[in-house]
Amino acid sequence: MLCQLDNIDDGGAIAVECMLDDVAECLIVVRHDARVFAYRNVCPHNGRRLDWAPGRFLLKDGVLVCAVHGASFVSDSGLCIGGPCRGESLVSVPVRMVAGGVFLAAGSGS
C-alpha cells in the first residue's frame, strides 16, 4: 500500500516513496474527491523534483506547480499547461483504491 486516502487532503497531494521496476522512486499522489492520481516526482523540464520542501507541493485549484521553474501541471492529467515544458506531461503511475487504501495498479512496475 502506498498510503491511505485519508492521508491526503481533498485537492491536495503528498509524496510517497516506493519501488518501481526495482528502483526507489518518489511519487506525487494527488486526491480529487474520492479519485487519486499518481505521478513520478520528476519535472519533465529538467528532471528535478516538484516539491518545494520534502513532500510539500504547490497545488491550488487543480494545478500543481514545479517549485524550481514554475511549470504548471493539471493535477488530474499531468499535462503541463504553462512554463518551460508546456505540452509535455508528468509520468503517470497507475494506482487503484481498495478499502480506503491507495495501491500501485497491476503493470505499474511494482
PDB file of N, CA and C in Angstrom:
ATOM      1  N   MET A   1       0.840  -1.182   0.000  1.00  0.00           N
ATOM      2  CA  MET A   1       0.000   0.000   0.000  1.00  0.00           C
ATOM      3  C   MET A   1       0.884   1.244   0.000  1.00  0.00           C
ATOM      4  N   LEU A   2       0.510   2.230  -0.826  1.00  0.00           N
ATOM      5  CA  LEU A   2       1.246   3.488  -0.872  1.00  0.00           C
ATOM      6  C   LEU A   2       0.865   4.392   0.293  1.00  0.00           C
ATOM      7  N   CYS A   3      -0.456   4.525   0.516  1.00  0.00           N
ATOM      8  CA  CYS A   3      -0.959   5.379   1.583  1.00  0.00           C
ATOM      9  C   CYS A   3      -2.452   5.133   1.760  1.00  0.00           C
ATOM     10  N   GLN A   4      -3.034   5.756   2.764  1.00  0.00           N
ATOM     11  CA  GLN A   4      -4.473   5.759   2.947  1.00  0.00           C
ATOM     12  C   GLN A   4      -5.034   7.009   2.277  1.00  0.00           C
ATOM     13  N   LEU A   5      -6.209   6.904   1.677  1.00  0.00           N
ATOM     14  CA  LEU A   5      -6.840   8.065   1.055  1.00  0.00           C
ATOM     15  C   LEU A   5      -6.969   9.200   2.070  1.00  0.00           C
ATOM     16  N   ASP A   6      -7.269   8.867   3.310  1.00  0.00           N
ATOM     17  CA  ASP A   6      -7.429   9.877   4.359  1.00  0.00           C
ATOM     18  C   ASP A   6      -6.140  10.627   4.675  1.00  0.00           C
ATOM     19  N   ASN A   7      -4.979  10.120   4.223  1.00  0.00           N
ATOM     20  CA  ASN A   7      -3.710  10.822   4.431  1.00  0.00           C
ATOM     21  C   ASN A   7      -3.550  12.025   3.514  1.00  0.00           C
ATOM     22  N   ILE A   8      -4.433  12.140   2.517  1.00  0.00           N
ATOM     23  CA  ILE A   8      -4.326  13.203   1.517  1.00  0.00           C
ATOM     24  C   ILE A   8      -5.540  14.122   1.652  1.00  0.00           C
ATOM     25  N   ASP A   9      -5.306  15.404   1.855  1.00  0.00           N
ATOM     26  CA  ASP A   9      -6.414  16.358   1.879  1.00  0.00           C
ATOM     27  C   ASP A   9      -7.071  16.395   0.506  1.00  0.00           C
ATOM     28  N   ASP A  10      -8.386  16.568   0.469  1.00  0.00           N
ATOM     29  CA  ASP A  10      -9.069  16.692  -0.814  1.00  0.00           C
ATOM     30  C   ASP A  10      -8.514  17.917  -1.544  1.00  0.00           C
ATOM     31  N   GLY A  11      -8.088  17.723  -2.780  1.00  0.00           N
ATOM     32  CA  GLY A  11      -7.457  18.794  -3.546  1.00  0.00           C
ATOM     33  C   GLY A  11      -5.983  18.952  -3.233  1.00  0.00           C
ATOM     34  N   GLY A  12      -5.436  18.036  -2.449  1.00  0.00           N
ATOM     35  CA  GLY A  12      -4.036  18.107  -2.056  1.00  0.00           C
ATOM     36  C   GLY A  12      -3.197  16.989  -2.643  1.00  0.00           C
ATOM     37  N   ALA A  13      -1.939  16.971  -2.256  1.00  0.00           N
ATOM     38  CA  ALA A  13      -1.000  15.969  -2.751  1.00  0.00           C
ATOM     39  C   ALA A  13       0.006  15.645  -1.662  1.00  0.00           C
ATOM     40  N   ILE A  14       0.515  14.415  -1.706  1.00  0.00           N
ATOM     41  CA  ILE A  14       1.592  14.003  -0.810  1.00  0.00           C
ATOM     42  C   ILE A  14       2.665  13.291  -1.632  1.00  0.00           C
ATOM     43  N   ALA A  15       3.843  13.176  -1.056  1.00  0.00           N
ATOM     44  CA  ALA A  15       4.927  12.398  -1.659  1.00  0.00           C
ATOM     45  C   ALA A  15       4.946  11.024  -1.002  1.00  0.00           C
ATOM     46  N   VAL A  16       5.163  10.010  -1.817  1.00  0.00           N
ATOM     47  CA  VAL A  16       5.221   8.637  -1.330  1.00  0.00           C
ATOM     48  C   VAL A  16       6.427   7.955  -1.973  1.00  0.00           C
ATOM     49  N   GLU A  17       7.233   7.311  -1.158  1.00  0.00           N
ATOM     50  CA  GLU A  17       8.374   6.549  -1.665  1.00  0.00           C
ATOM     51  C   GLU A  17       7.919   5.120  -1.950  1.00  0.00           C
ATOM     52  N   CYS A  18       8.364   4.561  -3.079  1.00  0.00           N
ATOM     53  CA  CYS A  18       8.017   3.181  -3.415  1.00  0.00           C
ATOM     54  C   CYS A  18       9.079   2.618  -4.359  1.00  0.00           C
ATOM     55  N   MET A  19       8.920   1.348  -4.684  1.00  0.00           N
ATOM     56  CA  MET A  19       9.804   0.690  -5.644  1.00  0.00           C
ATOM     57  C   MET A  19       9.053   0.519  -6.959  1.00  0.00           C
ATOM     58  N   LEU A  20       9.620   0.996  -8.050  1.00  0.00           N
ATOM     59  CA  LEU A  20       9.081   0.800  -9.397  1.00  0.00           C
ATOM     60  C   LEU A  20      10.184   0.178 -10.240  1.00  0.00           C
ATOM     61  N   ASP A  21       9.901  -0.979 -10.800  1.00  0.00           N
ATOM     62  CA  ASP A  21      10.904  -1.683 -11.607  1.00  0.00           C
ATOM     63  C   ASP A  21      12.221  -1.835 -10.840  1.00  0.00           C
ATOM     64  N   ASP A  22      12.102  -2.183  -9.559  1.00  0.00           N
ATOM     65  CA  ASP A  22      13.256  -2.413  -8.679  1.00  0.00           C
ATOM     66  C   ASP A  22      14.119  -1.170  -8.462  1.00  0.00           C
ATOM     67  N   VAL A  23      13.523   0.011  -8.647  1.00  0.00           N
ATOM     68  CA  VAL A  23      14.225   1.266  -8.416  1.00  0.00           C
ATOM     69  C   VAL A  23      13.402   2.094  -7.431  1.00  0.00           C
ATOM     70  N   ALA A  24      14.063   2.657  -6.424  1.00  0.00           N
ATOM     71  CA  ALA A  24      13.364   3.519  -5.470  1.00  0.00           C
ATOM     72  C   ALA A  24      12.926   4.789  -6.178  1.00  0.00           C
ATOM     73  N   GLU A  25      11.654   5.125  -6.058  1.00  0.00           N
ATOM     74  CA  GLU A  25      11.082   6.301  -6.713  1.00  0.00           C
ATOM     75  C   GLU A  25      10.265   7.097  -5.712  1.00  0.00           C
ATOM     76  N   CYS A  26      10.158   8.383  -5.955  1.00  0.00           N
ATOM     77  CA  CYS A  26       9.260   9.232  -5.196  1.00  0.00           C
ATOM     78  C   CYS A  26       8.073   9.544  -6.097  1.00  0.00           C
ATOM     79  N   LEU A  27       6.870   9.314  -5.586  1.00  0.00           N
ATOM     80  CA  LEU A  27       5.649   9.601  -6.333  1.00  0.00           C
ATOM     81  C   LEU A  27       4.915  10.777  -5.716  1.00  0.00           C
ATOM     82  N   ILE A  28       4.202  11.504  -6.551  1.00  0.00           N
ATOM     83  CA  ILE A  28       3.248  12.511  -6.110  1.00  0.00           C
ATOM     84  C   ILE A  28       1.886  11.834  -6.201  1.00  0.00           C
ATOM     85  N   VAL A  29       1.158  11.766  -5.092  1.00  0.00           N
ATOM     86  CA  VAL A  29      -0.183  11.197  -5.095  1.00  0.00           C
ATOM     87  C   VAL A  29      -1.153  12.342  -4.821  1.00  0.00           C
ATOM     88  N   VAL A  30      -2.048  12.591  -5.783  1.00  0.00           N
ATOM     89  CA  VAL A  30      -2.982  13.712  -5.751  1.00  0.00           C
ATOM     90  C   VAL A  30      -4.389  13.180  -5.517  1.00  0.00           C
ATOM     91  N   ARG A  31      -5.169  13.894  -4.704  1.00  0.00           N
ATOM     92  CA  ARG A  31      -6.549  13.485  -4.433  1.00  0.00           C
ATOM     93  C   ARG A  31      -7.536  14.528  -4.944  1.00  0.00           C
ATOM     94  N   HIS A  32      -8.548  14.051  -5.686  1.00  0.00           N
ATOM     95  CA  HIS A  32      -9.704  14.850  -6.104  1.00  0.00           C
ATOM     96  C   HIS A  32     -10.934  14.087  -5.660  1.00  0.00           C
ATOM     97  N   ASP A  33     -11.598  14.545  -4.609  1.00  0.00           N
ATOM     98  CA  ASP A  33     -12.728  13.827  -4.024  1.00  0.00           C
ATOM     99  C   ASP A  33     -12.273  12.408  -3.687  1.00  0.00           C
ATOM    100  N   ALA A  34     -12.904  11.397  -4.268  1.00  0.00           N
ATOM    101  CA  ALA A  34     -12.528  10.006  -3.992  1.00  0.00           C
ATOM    102  C   ALA A  34     -11.617   9.442  -5.080  1.00  0.00           C
ATOM    103  N   ARG A  35     -11.145  10.284  -5.986  1.00  0.00           N
ATOM    104  CA  ARG A  35     -10.239   9.819  -7.044  1.00  0.00           C
ATOM    105  C   ARG A  35      -8.808  10.184  -6.685  1.00  0.00           C
ATOM    106  N   VAL A  36      -7.879   9.320  -7.094  1.00  0.00           N
ATOM    107  CA  VAL A  36      -6.464   9.592  -6.865  1.00  0.00           C
ATOM    108  C   VAL A  36      -5.689   9.420  -8.166  1.00  0.00           C
ATOM    109  N   PHE A  37      -4.629  10.188  -8.279  1.00  0.00           N
ATOM    110  CA  PHE A  37      -3.739  10.149  -9.440  1.00  0.00           C
ATOM    111  C   PHE A  37      -2.320  10.137  -8.901  1.00  0.00           C
ATOM    112  N   ALA A  38      -1.425   9.431  -9.575  1.00  0.00           N
ATOM    113  CA  ALA A  38      -0.034   9.384  -9.127  1.00  0.00           C
ATOM    114  C   ALA A  38       0.895   9.650 -10.304  1.00  0.00           C
ATOM    115  N   TYR A  39       1.977  10.345  -9.997  1.00  0.00           N
ATOM    116  CA  TYR A  39       2.989  10.696 -10.994  1.00  0.00           C
ATOM    117  C   TYR A  39       4.362  10.546 -10.367  1.00  0.00           C
ATOM    118  N   ARG A  40       5.352  10.261 -11.197  1.00  0.00           N
ATOM    119  CA  ARG A  40       6.733  10.295 -10.714  1.00  0.00           C
ATOM    120  C   ARG A  40       7.040  11.747 -10.363  1.00  0.00           C
ATOM    121  N   ASN A  41       7.702  11.951  -9.268  1.00  0.00           N
ATOM    122  CA  ASN A  41       8.016  13.303  -8.796  1.00  0.00           C
ATOM    123  C   ASN A  41       9.249  13.828  -9.536  1.00  0.00           C
ATOM    124  N   VAL A  42       9.075  14.003 -10.843  1.00  0.00           N
ATOM    125  CA  VAL A  42      10.155  14.463 -11.712  1.00  0.00           C
ATOM    126  C   VAL A  42       9.569  15.438 -12.730  1.00  0.00           C
ATOM    127  N   CYS A  43      10.066  16.654 -12.761  1.00  0.00           N
ATOM    128  CA  CYS A  43       9.612  17.643 -13.743  1.00  0.00           C
ATOM    129  C   CYS A  43      10.237  17.313 -15.102  1.00  0.00           C
ATOM    130  N   PRO A  44       9.423  17.265 -16.167  1.00  0.00           N
ATOM    131  CA  PRO A  44       9.987  16.957 -17.486  1.00  0.00           C
ATOM    132  C   PRO A  44      10.919  18.048 -18.011  1.00  0.00           C
ATOM    133  N   HIS A  45      10.884  19.224 -17.419  1.00  0.00           N
ATOM    134  CA  HIS A  45      11.748  20.317 -17.878  1.00  0.00           C
ATOM    135  C   HIS A  45      13.214  20.050 -17.591  1.00  0.00           C
ATOM    136  N   ASN A  46      13.525  19.660 -16.353  1.00  0.00           N
ATOM    137  CA  ASN A  46      14.940  19.485 -16.023  1.00  0.00           C
ATOM    138  C   ASN A  46      15.234  18.301 -15.113  1.00  0.00           C
ATOM    139  N   GLY A  47      14.230  17.460 -14.869  1.00  0.00           N
ATOM    140  CA  GLY A  47      14.457  16.254 -14.087  1.00  0.00           C
ATOM    141  C   GLY A  47      14.497  16.442 -12.590  1.00  0.00           C
ATOM    142  N   ARG A  48      14.177  17.630 -12.105  1.00  0.00           N
ATOM    143  CA  ARG A  48      14.167  17.861 -10.656  1.00  0.00           C
ATOM    144  C   ARG A  48      12.816  17.520 -10.059  1.00  0.00           C
ATOM    145  N   ARG A  49      12.798  17.353  -8.745  1.00  0.00           N
ATOM    146  CA  ARG A  49      11.546  17.109  -8.030  1.00  0.00           C
ATOM    147  C   ARG A  49      10.679  18.364  -8.060  1.00  0.00           C
ATOM    148  N   LEU A  50       9.367  18.170  -7.958  1.00  0.00           N
ATOM    149  CA  LEU A  50       8.437  19.289  -7.992  1.00  0.00           C
ATOM    150  C   LEU A  50       8.190  19.907  -6.622  1.00  0.00           C
ATOM    151  N   ASP A  51       8.448  19.184  -5.524  1.00  0.00           N
ATOM    152  CA  ASP A  51       8.124  19.705  -4.201  1.00  0.00           C
ATOM    153  C   ASP A  51       9.048  20.850  -3.801  1.00  0.00           C
ATOM    154  N   TRP A  52       8.483  21.824  -3.080  1.00  0.00           N
ATOM    155  CA  TRP A  52       9.269  22.980  -2.620  1.00  0.00           C
ATOM    156  C   TRP A  52      10.005  22.667  -1.323  1.00  0.00           C
ATOM    157  N   ALA A  53       9.526  21.683  -0.605  1.00  0.00           N
ATOM    158  CA  ALA A  53      10.183  21.111   0.572  1.00  0.00           C
ATOM    159  C   ALA A  53       9.808  19.629   0.524  1.00  0.00           C
ATOM    160  N   PRO A  54      10.567  18.750   1.151  1.00  0.00           N
ATOM    161  CA  PRO A  54      10.248  17.325   1.045  1.00  0.00           C
ATOM    162  C   PRO A  54       8.771  17.022   1.347  1.00  0.00           C
ATOM    163  N   GLY A  55       8.078  16.510   0.317  1.00  0.00           N
ATOM    164  CA  GLY A  55       6.682  16.121   0.466  1.00  0.00           C
ATOM    165  C   GLY A  55       5.682  17.254   0.460  1.00  0.00           C
ATOM    166  N   ARG A  56       6.110  18.482   0.199  1.00  0.00           N
ATOM    167  CA  ARG A  56       5.225  19.659   0.191  1.00  0.00           C
ATOM    168  C   ARG A  56       5.143  20.201  -1.233  1.00  0.00           C
ATOM    169  N   PHE A  57       3.916  20.359  -1.721  1.00  0.00           N
ATOM    170  CA  PHE A  57       3.703  20.760  -3.112  1.00  0.00           C
ATOM    171  C   PHE A  57       2.893  22.037  -3.206  1.00  0.00           C
ATOM    172  N   LEU A  58       3.177  22.821  -4.253  1.00  0.00           N
ATOM    173  CA  LEU A  58       2.375  23.995  -4.573  1.00  0.00           C
ATOM    174  C   LEU A  58       1.222  23.508  -5.445  1.00  0.00           C
ATOM    175  N   LEU A  59       0.021  23.441  -4.873  1.00  0.00           N
ATOM    176  CA  LEU A  59      -1.139  22.898  -5.569  1.00  0.00           C
ATOM    177  C   LEU A  59      -2.345  23.740  -5.206  1.00  0.00           C
ATOM    178  N   LYS A  60      -2.963  24.350  -6.228  1.00  0.00           N
ATOM    179  CA  LYS A  60      -4.143  25.176  -5.993  1.00  0.00           C
ATOM    180  C   LYS A  60      -5.064  25.072  -7.188  1.00  0.00           C
ATOM    181  N   ASP A  61      -6.350  24.906  -6.897  1.00  0.00           N
ATOM    182  CA  ASP A  61      -7.375  24.848  -7.944  1.00  0.00           C
ATOM    183  C   ASP A  61      -7.048  23.831  -9.026  1.00  0.00           C
ATOM    184  N   GLY A  62      -6.505  22.686  -8.625  1.00  0.00           N
ATOM    185  CA  GLY A  62      -6.230  21.611  -9.567  1.00  0.00           C
ATOM    186  C   GLY A  62      -4.989  21.803 -10.410  1.00  0.00           C
ATOM    187  N   VAL A  63      -4.134  22.753 -10.045  1.00  0.00           N
ATOM    188  CA  VAL A  63      -2.894  22.990 -10.785  1.00  0.00           C
ATOM    189  C   VAL A  63      -1.714  22.790  -9.841  1.00  0.00           C
ATOM    190  N   LEU A  64      -0.814  21.894 -10.244  1.00  0.00           N
ATOM    191  CA  LEU A  64       0.390  21.563  -9.498  1.00  0.00           C
ATOM    192  C   LEU A  64       1.544  22.335 -10.131  1.00  0.00           C
ATOM    193  N   VAL A  65       2.296  23.091  -9.307  1.00  0.00           N
ATOM    194  CA  VAL A  65       3.360  23.950  -9.831  1.00  0.00           C
ATOM    195  C   VAL A  65       4.718  23.439  -9.373  1.00  0.00           C
ATOM    196  N   CYS A  66       5.635  23.303 -10.330  1.00  0.00           N
ATOM    197  CA  CYS A  66       7.004  22.921 -10.015  1.00  0.00           C
ATOM    198  C   CYS A  66       7.664  24.076  -9.268  1.00  0.00           C
ATOM    199  N   ALA A  67       8.231  23.778  -8.116  1.00  0.00           N
ATOM    200  CA  ALA A  67       8.844  24.807  -7.286  1.00  0.00           C
ATOM    201  C   ALA A  67      10.141  25.359  -7.872  1.00  0.00           C
ATOM    202  N   VAL A  68      10.745  24.672  -8.828  1.00  0.00           N
ATOM    203  CA  VAL A  68      12.036  25.115  -9.361  1.00  0.00           C
ATOM    204  C   VAL A  68      11.872  26.179 -10.450  1.00  0.00           C
ATOM    205  N   HIS A  69      11.094  25.896 -11.490  1.00  0.00           N
ATOM    206  CA  HIS A  69      10.960  26.837 -12.597  1.00  0.00           C
ATOM    207  C   HIS A  69       9.524  27.236 -12.898  1.00  0.00           C
ATOM    208  N   GLY A  70       8.573  26.833 -12.057  1.00  0.00           N
ATOM    209  CA  GLY A  70       7.197  27.299 -12.202  1.00  0.00           C
ATOM    210  C   GLY A  70       6.362  26.607 -13.260  1.00  0.00           C
ATOM    211  N   ALA A  71       6.800  25.486 -13.788  1.00  0.00           N
ATOM    212  CA  ALA A  71       5.957  24.757 -14.741  1.00  0.00           C
ATOM    213  C   ALA A  71       4.658  24.373 -14.037  1.00  0.00           C
ATOM    214  N   SER A  72       3.526  24.504 -14.743  1.00  0.00           N
ATOM    215  CA  SER A  72       2.209  24.249 -14.165  1.00  0.00           C
ATOM    216  C   SER A  72       1.568  23.037 -14.812  1.00  0.00           C
ATOM    217  N   PHE A  73       1.095  22.102 -13.986  1.00  0.00           N
ATOM    218  CA  PHE A  73       0.545  20.839 -14.466  1.00  0.00           C
ATOM    219  C   PHE A  73      -0.887  20.665 -13.977  1.00  0.00           C
ATOM    220  N   VAL A  74      -1.774  20.220 -14.862  1.00  0.00           N
ATOM    221  CA  VAL A  74      -3.128  19.873 -14.456  1.00  0.00           C
ATOM    222  C   VAL A  74      -3.008  18.626 -13.585  1.00  0.00           C
ATOM    223  N   SER A  75      -3.502  18.705 -12.361  1.00  0.00           N
ATOM    224  CA  SER A  75      -3.214  17.643 -11.402  1.00  0.00           C
ATOM    225  C   SER A  75      -3.948  16.334 -11.666  1.00  0.00           C
ATOM    226  N   ASP A  76      -5.016  16.343 -12.489  1.00  0.00           N
ATOM    227  CA  ASP A  76      -5.677  15.063 -12.764  1.00  0.00           C
ATOM    228  C   ASP A  76      -5.294  14.461 -14.107  1.00  0.00           C
ATOM    229  N   SER A  77      -4.355  15.121 -14.831  1.00  0.00           N
ATOM    230  CA  SER A  77      -3.873  14.543 -16.088  1.00  0.00           C
ATOM    231  C   SER A  77      -2.350  14.576 -16.204  1.00  0.00           C
ATOM    232  N   GLY A  78      -1.702  15.467 -15.469  1.00  0.00           N
ATOM    233  CA  GLY A  78      -0.253  15.610 -15.541  1.00  0.00           C
ATOM    234  C   GLY A  78       0.232  16.480 -16.687  1.00  0.00           C
ATOM    235  N   LEU A  79      -0.680  17.015 -17.502  1.00  0.00           N
ATOM    236  CA  LEU A  79      -0.310  17.839 -18.653  1.00  0.00           C
ATOM    237  C   LEU A  79       0.217  19.197 -18.199  1.00  0.00           C
ATOM    238  N   CYS A  80       1.349  19.612 -18.766  1.00  0.00           N
ATOM    239  CA  CYS A  80       1.919  20.923 -18.474  1.00  0.00           C
ATOM    240  C   CYS A  80       1.178  21.973 -19.296  1.00  0.00           C
ATOM    241  N   ILE A  81       0.610  22.946 -18.595  1.00  0.00           N
ATOM    242  CA  ILE A  81      -0.167  23.996 -19.272  1.00  0.00           C
ATOM    243  C   ILE A  81       0.519  25.351 -19.223  1.00  0.00           C
ATOM    244  N   GLY A  82       1.676  25.422 -18.594  1.00  0.00           N
ATOM    245  CA  GLY A  82       2.406  26.679 -18.537  1.00  0.00           C
ATOM    246  C   GLY A  82       3.818  26.454 -18.057  1.00  0.00           C
ATOM    247  N   GLY A  83       4.710  27.306 -18.535  1.00  0.00           N
ATOM    248  CA  GLY A  83       6.100  27.200 -18.119  1.00  0.00           C
ATOM    249  C   GLY A  83       6.977  26.573 -19.183  1.00  0.00           C
ATOM    250  N   PRO A  84       8.211  26.241 -18.807  1.00  0.00           N
ATOM    251  CA  PRO A  84       9.213  25.823 -19.787  1.00  0.00           C
ATOM    252  C   PRO A  84       8.969  24.478 -20.460  1.00  0.00           C
ATOM    253  N   CYS A  85       8.050  23.663 -19.970  1.00  0.00           N
ATOM    254  CA  CYS A  85       7.803  22.361 -20.603  1.00  0.00           C
ATOM    255  C   CYS A  85       6.347  22.231 -21.067  1.00  0.00           C
ATOM    256  N   ARG A  86       5.738  23.362 -21.435  1.00  0.00           N
ATOM    257  CA  ARG A  86       4.345  23.379 -21.886  1.00  0.00           C
ATOM    258  C   ARG A  86       4.128  22.306 -22.959  1.00  0.00           C
ATOM    259  N   GLY A  87       3.039  21.538 -22.787  1.00  0.00           N
ATOM    260  CA  GLY A  87       2.691  20.478 -23.730  1.00  0.00           C
ATOM    261  C   GLY A  87       3.251  19.114 -23.362  1.00  0.00           C
ATOM    262  N   GLU A  88       4.257  19.068 -22.489  1.00  0.00           N
ATOM    263  CA  GLU A  88       4.777  17.792 -22.008  1.00  0.00           C
ATOM    264  C   GLU A  88       3.927  17.358 -20.816  1.00  0.00           C
ATOM    265  N   SER A  89       4.180  16.173 -20.291  1.00  0.00           N
ATOM    266  CA  SER A  89       3.397  15.670 -19.169  1.00  0.00           C
ATOM    267  C   SER A  89       4.275  15.006 -18.122  1.00  0.00           C
ATOM    268  N   LEU A  90       3.771  15.006 -16.902  1.00  0.00           N
ATOM    269  CA  LEU A  90       4.381  14.201 -15.853  1.00  0.00           C
ATOM    270  C   LEU A  90       4.181  12.735 -16.213  1.00  0.00           C
ATOM    271  N   VAL A  91       5.050  11.872 -15.724  1.00  0.00           N
ATOM    272  CA  VAL A  91       4.926  10.440 -15.979  1.00  0.00           C
ATOM    273  C   VAL A  91       3.919   9.864 -14.984  1.00  0.00           C
ATOM    274  N   SER A  92       2.800   9.397 -15.523  1.00  0.00           N
ATOM    275  CA  SER A  92       1.723   8.842 -14.717  1.00  0.00           C
ATOM    276  C   SER A  92       2.085   7.439 -14.230  1.00  0.00           C
ATOM    277  N   VAL A  93       1.672   7.131 -13.016  1.00  0.00           N
ATOM    278  CA  VAL A  93       1.853   5.803 -12.444  1.00  0.00           C
ATOM    279  C   VAL A  93       0.466   5.292 -12.069  1.00  0.00           C
ATOM    280  N   PRO A  94       0.026   4.184 -12.663  1.00  0.00           N
ATOM    281  CA  PRO A  94      -1.326   3.677 -12.378  1.00  0.00           C
ATOM    282  C   PRO A  94      -1.480   3.248 -10.914  1.00  0.00           C
ATOM    283  N   VAL A  95      -2.554   3.732 -10.301  1.00  0.00           N
ATOM    284  CA  VAL A  95      -2.878   3.350  -8.931  1.00  0.00           C
ATOM    285  C   VAL A  95      -4.339   2.921  -8.867  1.00  0.00           C
ATOM    286  N   ARG A  96      -4.681   2.223  -7.803  1.00  0.00           N
ATOM    287  CA  ARG A  96      -6.070   1.807  -7.566  1.00  0.00           C
ATOM    288  C   ARG A  96      -6.353   1.976  -6.085  1.00  0.00           C
ATOM    289  N   MET A  97      -7.636   2.097  -5.772  1.00  0.00           N
ATOM    290  CA  MET A  97      -8.044   2.205  -4.380  1.00  0.00           C
ATOM    291  C   MET A  97      -8.797   0.955  -3.964  1.00  0.00           C
ATOM    292  N   VAL A  98      -8.472   0.463  -2.789  1.00  0.00           N
ATOM    293  CA  VAL A  98      -9.149  -0.694  -2.211  1.00  0.00           C
ATOM    294  C   VAL A  98      -9.368  -0.396  -0.729  1.00  0.00           C
ATOM    295  N   ALA A  99     -10.619  -0.371  -0.321  1.00  0.00           N
ATOM    296  CA  ALA A  99     -10.977  -0.177   1.090  1.00  0.00           C
ATOM    297  C   ALA A  99     -10.259   1.016   1.714  1.00  0.00           C
ATOM    298  N   GLY A 100     -10.197   2.138   0.983  1.00  0.00           N
ATOM    299  CA  GLY A 100      -9.587   3.355   1.511  1.00  0.00           C
ATOM    300  C   GLY A 100      -8.080   3.414   1.395  1.00  0.00           C
ATOM    301  N   GLY A 101      -7.472   2.364   0.838  1.00  0.00           N
ATOM    302  CA  GLY A 101      -6.020   2.347   0.642  1.00  0.00           C
ATOM    303  C   GLY A 101      -5.676   2.616  -0.808  1.00  0.00           C
ATOM    304  N   VAL A 102      -4.557   3.268  -1.052  1.00  0.00           N
ATOM    305  CA  VAL A 102      -4.072   3.551  -2.407  1.00  0.00           C
ATOM    306  C   VAL A 102      -2.911   2.602  -2.682  1.00  0.00           C
ATOM    307  N   PHE A 103      -3.042   1.836  -3.767  1.00  0.00           N
ATOM    308  CA  PHE A 103      -2.063   0.818  -4.130  1.00  0.00           C
ATOM    309  C   PHE A 103      -1.577   1.036  -5.553  1.00  0.00           C
ATOM    310  N   LEU A 104      -0.353   0.577  -5.844  1.00  0.00           N
ATOM    311  CA  LEU A 104       0.098   0.527  -7.228  1.00  0.00           C
ATOM    312  C   LEU A 104      -0.823  -0.448  -7.977  1.00  0.00           C
ATOM    313  N   ALA A 105      -1.208  -0.083  -9.182  1.00  0.00           N
ATOM    314  CA  ALA A 105      -2.050  -0.963 -10.002  1.00  0.00           C
ATOM    315  C   ALA A 105      -1.162  -1.953 -10.733  1.00  0.00           C
ATOM    316  N   ALA A 106      -1.768  -3.028 -11.188  1.00  0.00           N
ATOM    317  CA  ALA A 106      -1.029  -4.020 -11.973  1.00  0.00           C
ATOM    318  C   ALA A 106      -0.397  -3.334 -13.170  1.00  0.00           C
ATOM    319  N   GLY A 107       0.826  -3.716 -13.487  1.00  0.00           N
ATOM    320  CA  GLY A 107       1.520  -3.142 -14.646  1.00  0.00           C
ATOM    321  C   GLY A 107       2.234  -1.845 -14.353  1.00  0.00           C
ATOM    322  N   SER A 108       2.290  -1.425 -13.093  1.00  0.00           N
ATOM    323  CA  SER A 108       2.955  -0.162 -12.777  1.00  0.00           C
ATOM    324  C   SER A 108       4.406  -0.356 -12.335  1.00  0.00           C
ATOM    325  N   GLY A 109       4.932  -1.542 -12.556  1.00  0.00           N
ATOM    326  CA  GLY A 109       6.345  -1.770 -12.265  1.00  0.00           C
ATOM    327  C   GLY A 109       6.624  -2.124 -10.825  1.00  0.00           C
ATOM    328  N   SER A 110       5.596  -2.555 -10.106  1.00  0.00           N
ATOM    329  CA  SER A 110       5.802  -2.876  -8.690  1.00  0.00           C
ATOM    330  C   SER A 110       6.498  -4.201  -8.506  1.00  0.00           C
TER     331      SER A 110
END
